[in-house]
Amino acid sequence: MDLTGAVWRKSTRSDNGGATCVEVATNLPGVVGVRDSKDRPGPVLTFPPAAWTAFACATASGTFTRGR
């Protein structure tokens, strides 16, 4: 998958001045990219936009739990 046009943004919940966080790219057609800010050239996870939205909403509301 070509992610060269990705516009990455850091989580607003970053700790340590943003040194240990994830970055998200939501500007790509049909996919949301997620990467580790400490390893930018490293692997990228991709998700369908609906799945990413569901995850983000669940974590923001506190309803997300591991193993579900």
PDB file of N, CA and C in Angstrom:
ATOM      1  N   MET A   1       0.833  -1.171   0.000  1.00  0.00           N
ATOM      2  CA  MET A   1       0.000   0.000   0.000  1.00  0.00           C
ATOM      3  C   MET A   1       0.884   1.242   0.000  1.00  0.00           C
ATOM      4  N   ASP A   2       0.559   2.194  -0.841  1.00  0.00           N
ATOM      5  CA  ASP A   2       1.338   3.427  -0.956  1.00  0.00           C
ATOM      6  C   ASP A   2       0.826   4.455   0.050  1.00  0.00           C
ATOM      7  N   LEU A   3       1.652   4.784   1.017  1.00  0.00           N
ATOM      8  CA  LEU A   3       1.288   5.747   2.054  1.00  0.00           C
ATOM      9  C   LEU A   3       2.067   7.055   1.934  1.00  0.00           C
ATOM     10  N   THR A   4       2.686   7.286   0.767  1.00  0.00           N
ATOM     11  CA  THR A   4       3.535   8.467   0.626  1.00  0.00           C
ATOM     12  C   THR A   4       2.768   9.781   0.769  1.00  0.00           C
ATOM     13  N   GLY A   5       1.470   9.795   0.508  1.00  0.00           N
ATOM     14  CA  GLY A   5       0.685  11.013   0.645  1.00  0.00           C
ATOM     15  C   GLY A   5       0.066  11.191   2.016  1.00  0.00           C
ATOM     16  N   ALA A   6       0.411  10.319   2.938  1.00  0.00           N
ATOM     17  CA  ALA A   6      -0.191  10.379   4.275  1.00  0.00           C
ATOM     18  C   ALA A   6       0.208  11.653   5.009  1.00  0.00           C
ATOM     19  N   VAL A   7      -0.772  12.265   5.634  1.00  0.00           N
ATOM     20  CA  VAL A   7      -0.527  13.416   6.504  1.00  0.00           C
ATOM     21  C   VAL A   7      -0.715  12.912   7.932  1.00  0.00           C
ATOM     22  N   TRP A   8       0.395  12.818   8.666  1.00  0.00           N
ATOM     23  CA  TRP A   8       0.393  12.225   9.999  1.00  0.00           C
ATOM     24  C   TRP A   8       0.165  13.286  11.061  1.00  0.00           C
ATOM     25  N   ARG A   9      -0.625  12.924  12.073  1.00  0.00           N
ATOM     26  CA  ARG A   9      -0.820  13.804  13.229  1.00  0.00           C
ATOM     27  C   ARG A   9      -0.670  12.975  14.501  1.00  0.00           C
ATOM     28  N   LYS A  10      -0.142  13.616  15.538  1.00  0.00           N
ATOM     29  CA  LYS A  10       0.057  12.928  16.812  1.00  0.00           C
ATOM     30  C   LYS A  10      -1.203  12.971  17.646  1.00  0.00           C
ATOM     31  N   SER A  11      -1.317  11.994  18.501  1.00  0.00           N
ATOM     32  CA  SER A  11      -2.427  11.939  19.434  1.00  0.00           C
ATOM     33  C   SER A  11      -2.419  13.150  20.356  1.00  0.00           C
ATOM     34  N   THR A  12      -3.596  13.669  20.650  1.00  0.00           N
ATOM     35  CA  THR A  12      -3.688  14.777  21.598  1.00  0.00           C
ATOM     36  C   THR A  12      -3.426  14.303  23.022  1.00  0.00           C
ATOM     37  N   ARG A  13      -3.412  12.982  23.224  1.00  0.00           N
ATOM     38  CA  ARG A  13      -3.159  12.402  24.540  1.00  0.00           C
ATOM     39  C   ARG A  13      -1.709  11.952  24.705  1.00  0.00           C
ATOM     40  N   SER A  14      -0.818  12.446  23.859  1.00  0.00           N
ATOM     41  CA  SER A  14       0.588  12.053  23.924  1.00  0.00           C
ATOM     42  C   SER A  14       1.180  12.400  25.275  1.00  0.00           C
ATOM     43  N   ASP A  15       2.073  11.527  25.741  1.00  0.00           N
ATOM     44  CA  ASP A  15       2.780  11.845  26.977  1.00  0.00           C
ATOM     45  C   ASP A  15       4.233  12.148  26.646  1.00  0.00           C
ATOM     46  N   ASN A  16       4.985  12.564  27.623  1.00  0.00           N
ATOM     47  CA  ASN A  16       6.419  12.816  27.465  1.00  0.00           C
ATOM     48  C   ASN A  16       6.688  13.802  26.327  1.00  0.00           C
ATOM     49  N   GLY A  17       5.876  14.823  26.204  1.00  0.00           N
ATOM     50  CA  GLY A  17       6.083  15.819  25.163  1.00  0.00           C
ATOM     51  C   GLY A  17       5.871  15.280  23.762  1.00  0.00           C
ATOM     52  N   GLY A  18       5.143  14.194  23.629  1.00  0.00           N
ATOM     53  CA  GLY A  18       4.871  13.620  22.316  1.00  0.00           C
ATOM     54  C   GLY A  18       5.892  12.599  21.867  1.00  0.00           C
ATOM     55  N   ALA A  19       6.813  12.223  22.745  1.00  0.00           N
ATOM     56  CA  ALA A  19       7.866  11.282  22.364  1.00  0.00           C
ATOM     57  C   ALA A  19       7.384   9.832  22.326  1.00  0.00           C
ATOM     58  N   THR A  20       6.342   9.531  23.061  1.00  0.00           N
ATOM     59  CA  THR A  20       5.840   8.152  23.092  1.00  0.00           C
ATOM     60  C   THR A  20       4.356   8.155  22.772  1.00  0.00           C
ATOM     61  N   CYS A  21       4.069   8.146  21.500  1.00  0.00           N
ATOM     62  CA  CYS A  21       2.675   8.176  21.106  1.00  0.00           C
ATOM     63  C   CYS A  21       2.495   7.542  19.726  1.00  0.00           C
ATOM     64  N   VAL A  22       1.271   7.484  19.317  1.00  0.00           N
ATOM     65  CA  VAL A  22       0.974   7.022  17.969  1.00  0.00           C
ATOM     66  C   VAL A  22       0.659   8.221  17.098  1.00  0.00           C
ATOM     67  N   GLU A  23       0.841   8.029  15.800  1.00  0.00           N
ATOM     68  CA  GLU A  23       0.455   9.025  14.821  1.00  0.00           C
ATOM     69  C   GLU A  23      -0.581   8.395  13.908  1.00  0.00           C
ATOM     70  N   VAL A  24      -1.532   9.208  13.476  1.00  0.00           N
ATOM     71  CA  VAL A  24      -2.641   8.722  12.668  1.00  0.00           C
ATOM     72  C   VAL A  24      -2.719   9.541  11.387  1.00  0.00           C
ATOM     73  N   ALA A  25      -2.965   8.864  10.279  1.00  0.00           N
ATOM     74  CA  ALA A  25      -3.201   9.531   8.993  1.00  0.00           C
ATOM     75  C   ALA A  25      -4.620   9.199   8.552  1.00  0.00           C
ATOM     76  N   THR A  26      -5.460  10.220   8.475  1.00  0.00           N
ATOM     77  CA  THR A  26      -6.860  10.007   8.098  1.00  0.00           C
ATOM     78  C   THR A  26      -7.193  10.593   6.729  1.00  0.00           C
ATOM     79  N   ASN A  27      -6.183  11.043   6.002  1.00  0.00           N
ATOM     80  CA  ASN A  27      -6.438  11.684   4.715  1.00  0.00           C
ATOM     81  C   ASN A  27      -6.353  10.725   3.521  1.00  0.00           C
ATOM     82  N   LEU A  28      -6.141   9.454   3.765  1.00  0.00           N
ATOM     83  CA  LEU A  28      -5.987   8.497   2.667  1.00  0.00           C
ATOM     84  C   LEU A  28      -7.342   7.907   2.279  1.00  0.00           C
ATOM     85  N   PRO A  29      -7.568   7.686   0.993  1.00  0.00           N
ATOM     86  CA  PRO A  29      -8.865   7.142   0.582  1.00  0.00           C
ATOM     87  C   PRO A  29      -9.051   5.693   1.034  1.00  0.00           C
ATOM     88  N   GLY A  30     -10.108   5.454   1.802  1.00  0.00           N
ATOM     89  CA  GLY A  30     -10.485   4.100   2.188  1.00  0.00           C
ATOM     90  C   GLY A  30      -9.662   3.436   3.259  1.00  0.00           C
ATOM     91  N   VAL A  31      -8.750   4.174   3.910  1.00  0.00           N
ATOM     92  CA  VAL A  31      -7.899   3.556   4.922  1.00  0.00           C
ATOM     93  C   VAL A  31      -7.415   4.609   5.918  1.00  0.00           C
ATOM     94  N   VAL A  32      -7.224   4.175   7.166  1.00  0.00           N
ATOM     95  CA  VAL A  32      -6.617   5.012   8.203  1.00  0.00           C
ATOM     96  C   VAL A  32      -5.300   4.345   8.579  1.00  0.00           C
ATOM     97  N   GLY A  33      -4.212   5.114   8.553  1.00  0.00           N
ATOM     98  CA  GLY A  33      -2.900   4.588   8.920  1.00  0.00           C
ATOM     99  C   GLY A  33      -2.553   4.954  10.346  1.00  0.00           C
ATOM    100  N   VAL A  34      -1.894   4.036  11.039  1.00  0.00           N
ATOM    101  CA  VAL A  34      -1.459   4.264  12.424  1.00  0.00           C
ATOM    102  C   VAL A  34      -0.017   3.785  12.542  1.00  0.00           C
ATOM    103  N   ARG A  35       0.843   4.627  13.112  1.00  0.00           N
ATOM    104  CA  ARG A  35       2.250   4.254  13.282  1.00  0.00           C
ATOM    105  C   ARG A  35       2.779   4.748  14.621  1.00  0.00           C
ATOM    106  N   ASP A  36       3.912   4.199  15.006  1.00  0.00           N
ATOM    107  CA  ASP A  36       4.602   4.570  16.236  1.00  0.00           C
ATOM    108  C   ASP A  36       5.441   5.812  15.957  1.00  0.00           C
ATOM    109  N   SER A  37       5.280   6.851  16.758  1.00  0.00           N
ATOM    110  CA  SER A  37       6.031   8.089  16.526  1.00  0.00           C
ATOM    111  C   SER A  37       7.537   7.921  16.709  1.00  0.00           C
ATOM    112  N   LYS A  38       7.944   6.893  17.437  1.00  0.00           N
ATOM    113  CA  LYS A  38       9.376   6.650  17.649  1.00  0.00           C
ATOM    114  C   LYS A  38      10.008   5.872  16.500  1.00  0.00           C
ATOM    115  N   ASP A  39       9.186   5.327  15.609  1.00  0.00           N
ATOM    116  CA  ASP A  39       9.691   4.506  14.502  1.00  0.00           C
ATOM    117  C   ASP A  39       8.947   4.873  13.221  1.00  0.00           C
ATOM    118  N   ARG A  40       9.054   6.118  12.828  1.00  0.00           N
ATOM    119  CA  ARG A  40       8.301   6.614  11.678  1.00  0.00           C
ATOM    120  C   ARG A  40       8.523   5.844  10.388  1.00  0.00           C
ATOM    121  N   PRO A  41       9.736   5.401  10.081  1.00  0.00           N
ATOM    122  CA  PRO A  41       9.895   4.622   8.846  1.00  0.00           C
ATOM    123  C   PRO A  41       9.475   3.156   9.010  1.00  0.00           C
ATOM    124  N   GLY A  42       9.119   2.772  10.218  1.00  0.00           N
ATOM    125  CA  GLY A  42       8.769   1.383  10.517  1.00  0.00           C
ATOM    126  C   GLY A  42       7.389   1.002  10.022  1.00  0.00           C
ATOM    127  N   PRO A  43       6.855  -0.080  10.550  1.00  0.00           N
ATOM    128  CA  PRO A  43       5.575  -0.598  10.079  1.00  0.00           C
ATOM    129  C   PRO A  43       4.407   0.343  10.374  1.00  0.00           C
ATOM    130  N   VAL A  44       3.397   0.233   9.534  1.00  0.00           N
ATOM    131  CA  VAL A  44       2.165   1.004   9.678  1.00  0.00           C
ATOM    132  C   VAL A  44       1.003   0.029   9.717  1.00  0.00           C
ATOM    133  N   LEU A  45       0.133   0.199  10.688  1.00  0.00           N
ATOM    134  CA  LEU A  45      -1.115  -0.566  10.722  1.00  0.00           C
ATOM    135  C   LEU A  45      -2.148   0.222   9.941  1.00  0.00           C
ATOM    136  N   THR A  46      -3.004  -0.484   9.201  1.00  0.00           N
ATOM    137  CA  THR A  46      -4.075   0.188   8.476  1.00  0.00           C
ATOM    138  C   THR A  46      -5.413  -0.417   8.859  1.00  0.00           C
ATOM    139  N   PHE A  47      -6.415   0.440   8.895  1.00  0.00           N
ATOM    140  CA  PHE A  47      -7.754   0.052   9.297  1.00  0.00           C
ATOM    141  C   PHE A  47      -8.775   0.673   8.357  1.00  0.00           C
ATOM    142  N   PRO A  48      -9.906  -0.011   8.155  1.00  0.00           N
ATOM    143  CA  PRO A  48     -11.007   0.646   7.451  1.00  0.00           C
ATOM    144  C   PRO A  48     -11.471   1.848   8.284  1.00  0.00           C
ATOM    145  N   PRO A  49     -11.863   2.938   7.656  1.00  0.00           N
ATOM    146  CA  PRO A  49     -12.259   4.120   8.422  1.00  0.00           C
ATOM    147  C   PRO A  49     -13.354   3.855   9.458  1.00  0.00           C
ATOM    148  N   ALA A  50     -14.338   3.031   9.147  1.00  0.00           N
ATOM    149  CA  ALA A  50     -15.411   2.750  10.112  1.00  0.00           C
ATOM    150  C   ALA A  50     -14.872   2.034  11.347  1.00  0.00           C
ATOM    151  N   ALA A  51     -13.926   1.127  11.155  1.00  0.00           N
ATOM    152  CA  ALA A  51     -13.341   0.416  12.296  1.00  0.00           C
ATOM    153  C   ALA A  51     -12.524   1.371  13.165  1.00  0.00           C
ATOM    154  N   TRP A  52     -11.780   2.268  12.541  1.00  0.00           N
ATOM    155  CA  TRP A  52     -10.985   3.232  13.299  1.00  0.00           C
ATOM    156  C   TRP A  52     -11.902   4.179  14.083  1.00  0.00           C
ATOM    157  N   THR A  53     -12.964   4.634  13.457  1.00  0.00           N
ATOM    158  CA  THR A  53     -13.912   5.516  14.137  1.00  0.00           C
ATOM    159  C   THR A  53     -14.545   4.819  15.337  1.00  0.00           C
ATOM    160  N   ALA A  54     -14.923   3.564  15.169  1.00  0.00           N
ATOM    161  CA  ALA A  54     -15.505   2.805  16.277  1.00  0.00           C
ATOM    162  C   ALA A  54     -14.504   2.657  17.415  1.00  0.00           C
ATOM    163  N   PHE A  55     -13.257   2.357  17.099  1.00  0.00           N
ATOM    164  CA  PHE A  55     -12.208   2.226  18.110  1.00  0.00           C
ATOM    165  C   PHE A  55     -11.988   3.555  18.834  1.00  0.00           C
ATOM    166  N   ALA A  56     -11.852   4.641  18.077  1.00  0.00           N
ATOM    167  CA  ALA A  56     -11.603   5.952  18.677  1.00  0.00           C
ATOM    168  C   ALA A  56     -12.759   6.375  19.575  1.00  0.00           C
ATOM    169  N   CYS A  57     -13.978   6.142  19.136  1.00  0.00           N
ATOM    170  CA  CYS A  57     -15.152   6.490  19.956  1.00  0.00           C
ATOM    171  C   CYS A  57     -15.211   5.650  21.232  1.00  0.00           C
ATOM    172  N   ALA A  58     -14.905   4.369  21.109  1.00  0.00           N
ATOM    173  CA  ALA A  58     -14.942   3.477  22.271  1.00  0.00           C
ATOM    174  C   ALA A  58     -13.868   3.857  23.284  1.00  0.00           C
ATOM    175  N   THR A  59     -12.682   4.208  22.826  1.00  0.00           N
ATOM    176  CA  THR A  59     -11.630   4.588  23.770  1.00  0.00           C
ATOM    177  C   THR A  59     -11.929   5.937  24.401  1.00  0.00           C
ATOM    178  N   ALA A  60     -12.472   6.861  23.626  1.00  0.00           N
ATOM    179  CA  ALA A  60     -12.799   8.176  24.168  1.00  0.00           C
ATOM    180  C   ALA A  60     -13.898   8.102  25.226  1.00  0.00           C
ATOM    181  N   SER A  61     -14.837   7.195  25.037  1.00  0.00           N
ATOM    182  CA  SER A  61     -15.943   7.090  25.980  1.00  0.00           C
ATOM    183  C   SER A  61     -15.641   6.152  27.149  1.00  0.00           C
ATOM    184  N   GLY A  62     -14.517   5.439  27.051  1.00  0.00           N
ATOM    185  CA  GLY A  62     -14.141   4.510  28.117  1.00  0.00           C
ATOM    186  C   GLY A  62     -14.826   3.157  28.011  1.00  0.00           C
ATOM    187  N   THR A  63     -15.466   2.870  26.891  1.00  0.00           N
ATOM    188  CA  THR A  63     -16.165   1.583  26.747  1.00  0.00           C
ATOM    189  C   THR A  63     -15.297   0.512  26.113  1.00  0.00           C
ATOM    190  N   PHE A  64     -14.103   0.873  25.640  1.00  0.00           N
ATOM    191  CA  PHE A  64     -13.203  -0.115  25.039  1.00  0.00           C
ATOM    192  C   PHE A  64     -12.519  -0.906  26.136  1.00  0.00           C
ATOM    193  N   THR A  65     -12.543  -2.227  26.013  1.00  0.00           N
ATOM    194  CA  THR A  65     -11.812  -3.086  26.946  1.00  0.00           C
ATOM    195  C   THR A  65     -11.019  -4.090  26.147  1.00  0.00           C
ATOM    196  N   ARG A  66      -9.885  -4.477  26.666  1.00  0.00           N
ATOM    197  CA  ARG A  66      -9.053  -5.477  26.000  1.00  0.00           C
ATOM    198  C   ARG A  66      -9.754  -6.812  25.908  1.00  0.00           C
ATOM    199  N   GLY A  67      -9.421  -7.551  24.855  1.00  0.00           N
ATOM    200  CA  GLY A  67      -9.908  -8.918  24.727  1.00  0.00           C
ATOM    201  C   GLY A  67     -11.331  -9.045  24.245  1.00  0.00           C
ATOM    202  N   ARG A  68     -11.937  -7.974  23.884  1.00  0.00           N
ATOM    203  CA  ARG A  68     -13.313  -8.035  23.388  1.00  0.00           C
ATOM    204  C   ARG A  68     -13.349  -8.006  21.900  1.00  0.00           C
TER     205      ARG A  68
END
